[in-house]
Amino acid sequence: MAKGEVMKETDWEVEEDLRAVARADAVRSDPDRMKKVKALAKTKLDESKRKKEEAQKMIELGQEA
């Protein structure tokens, strides 16, 4: 990019995608990092499911009133 040229939004997104791919490759090639990522993903998924169940219970209680 030339000096003083403004980066287009799509150019910025492509740059960010490139960084994401590079980070993903680094994680995939490191078994310890991948293990930690999988454990965190499971924790976040379980937490999300729990929050969804709690919200559903609140909705059901509100409908009974």
C-alpha atoms as a PDB file:
ATOM      1  CA  MET A   1       0.000   0.000   0.000  1.00  0.00           C
ATOM      2  CA  ALA A   2       1.342   3.395  -0.934  1.00  0.00           C
ATOM      3  CA  LYS A   3       2.088   5.955   1.747  1.00  0.00           C
ATOM      4  CA  GLY A   4      -0.996   7.998   2.586  1.00  0.00           C
ATOM      5  CA  GLU A   5      -3.355   5.535   0.884  1.00  0.00           C
ATOM      6  CA  VAL A   6      -6.363   4.576   2.949  1.00  0.00           C
ATOM      7  CA  MET A   7      -6.892   0.839   3.331  1.00  0.00           C
ATOM      8  CA  LYS A   8     -10.267  -0.322   2.082  1.00  0.00           C
ATOM      9  CA  GLU A   9     -12.429  -2.214   4.546  1.00  0.00           C
ATOM     10  CA  THR A  10     -12.228  -5.376   2.465  1.00  0.00           C
ATOM     11  CA  ASP A  11      -8.423  -5.117   2.388  1.00  0.00           C
ATOM     12  CA  TRP A  12      -8.418  -4.846   6.171  1.00  0.00           C
ATOM     13  CA  GLU A  13     -10.658  -7.910   6.445  1.00  0.00           C
ATOM     14  CA  VAL A  14      -8.385  -9.927   4.184  1.00  0.00           C
ATOM     15  CA  GLU A  15      -5.365  -8.914   6.276  1.00  0.00           C
ATOM     16  CA  GLU A  16      -7.181  -9.986   9.429  1.00  0.00           C
ATOM     17  CA  ASP A  17      -8.203 -13.294   7.827  1.00  0.00           C
ATOM     18  CA  LEU A  18      -4.562 -13.932   6.943  1.00  0.00           C
ATOM     19  CA  ARG A  19      -3.564 -13.391  10.571  1.00  0.00           C
ATOM     20  CA  ALA A  20      -6.338 -15.749  11.727  1.00  0.00           C
ATOM     21  CA  VAL A  21      -5.202 -18.486   9.350  1.00  0.00           C
ATOM     22  CA  ALA A  22      -1.604 -18.110  10.504  1.00  0.00           C
ATOM     23  CA  ARG A  23      -2.672 -18.354  14.156  1.00  0.00           C
ATOM     24  CA  ALA A  24      -4.864 -21.378  13.414  1.00  0.00           C
ATOM     25  CA  ASP A  25      -1.958 -23.178  11.728  1.00  0.00           C
ATOM     26  CA  ALA A  26       0.236 -22.491  14.749  1.00  0.00           C
ATOM     27  CA  VAL A  27      -2.390 -23.903  17.116  1.00  0.00           C
ATOM     28  CA  ARG A  28      -3.043 -26.986  14.979  1.00  0.00           C
ATOM     29  CA  SER A  29       0.665 -27.808  14.845  1.00  0.00           C
ATOM     30  CA  ASP A  30       1.096 -27.589  18.637  1.00  0.00           C
ATOM     31  CA  PRO A  31      -0.678 -30.477  20.439  1.00  0.00           C
ATOM     32  CA  ASP A  32      -0.534 -28.761  23.843  1.00  0.00           C
ATOM     33  CA  ARG A  33      -2.126 -25.554  22.513  1.00  0.00           C
ATOM     34  CA  MET A  34      -4.776 -27.550  20.647  1.00  0.00           C
ATOM     35  CA  LYS A  35      -5.619 -29.527  23.787  1.00  0.00           C
ATOM     36  CA  LYS A  36      -6.086 -26.288  25.741  1.00  0.00           C
ATOM     37  CA  VAL A  37      -8.217 -24.779  22.966  1.00  0.00           C
ATOM     38  CA  LYS A  38     -10.465 -27.853  22.859  1.00  0.00           C
ATOM     39  CA  ALA A  39     -10.877 -27.816  26.645  1.00  0.00           C
ATOM     40  CA  LEU A  40     -11.793 -24.128  26.612  1.00  0.00           C
ATOM     41  CA  ALA A  41     -14.220 -24.670  23.733  1.00  0.00           C
ATOM     42  CA  LYS A  42     -15.953 -27.446  25.695  1.00  0.00           C
ATOM     43  CA  THR A  43     -16.156 -25.242  28.787  1.00  0.00           C
ATOM     44  CA  LYS A  44     -17.634 -22.348  26.795  1.00  0.00           C
ATOM     45  CA  LEU A  45     -20.130 -24.647  25.060  1.00  0.00           C
ATOM     46  CA  ASP A  46     -21.236 -26.166  28.378  1.00  0.00           C
ATOM     47  CA  GLU A  47     -21.600 -22.676  29.850  1.00  0.00           C
ATOM     48  CA  SER A  48     -23.663 -21.549  26.870  1.00  0.00           C
ATOM     49  CA  LYS A  49     -25.945 -24.581  27.153  1.00  0.00           C
ATOM     50  CA  ARG A  50     -26.423 -23.937  30.882  1.00  0.00           C
ATOM     51  CA  LYS A  51     -27.339 -20.295  30.260  1.00  0.00           C
ATOM     52  CA  LYS A  52     -29.770 -21.309  27.533  1.00  0.00           C
ATOM     53  CA  GLU A  53     -31.439 -23.813  29.872  1.00  0.00           C
ATOM     54  CA  GLU A  54     -31.696 -21.172  32.605  1.00  0.00           C
ATOM     55  CA  ALA A  55     -33.253 -18.712  30.183  1.00  0.00           C
ATOM     56  CA  GLN A  56     -35.747 -21.312  29.029  1.00  0.00           C
ATOM     57  CA  LYS A  57     -36.744 -22.035  32.634  1.00  0.00           C
ATOM     58  CA  MET A  58     -37.281 -18.313  33.233  1.00  0.00           C
ATOM     59  CA  ILE A  59     -39.484 -18.121  30.129  1.00  0.00           C
ATOM     60  CA  GLU A  60     -41.501 -21.132  31.252  1.00  0.00           C
ATOM     61  CA  LEU A  61     -41.956 -19.686  34.753  1.00  0.00           C
ATOM     62  CA  GLY A  62     -43.111 -16.405  33.251  1.00  0.00           C
ATOM     63  CA  GLN A  63     -45.682 -18.188  31.099  1.00  0.00           C
ATOM     64  CA  GLU A  64     -47.108 -20.029  34.128  1.00  0.00           C
ATOM     65  CA  ALA A  65     -47.786 -16.798  36.011  1.00  0.00           C
END
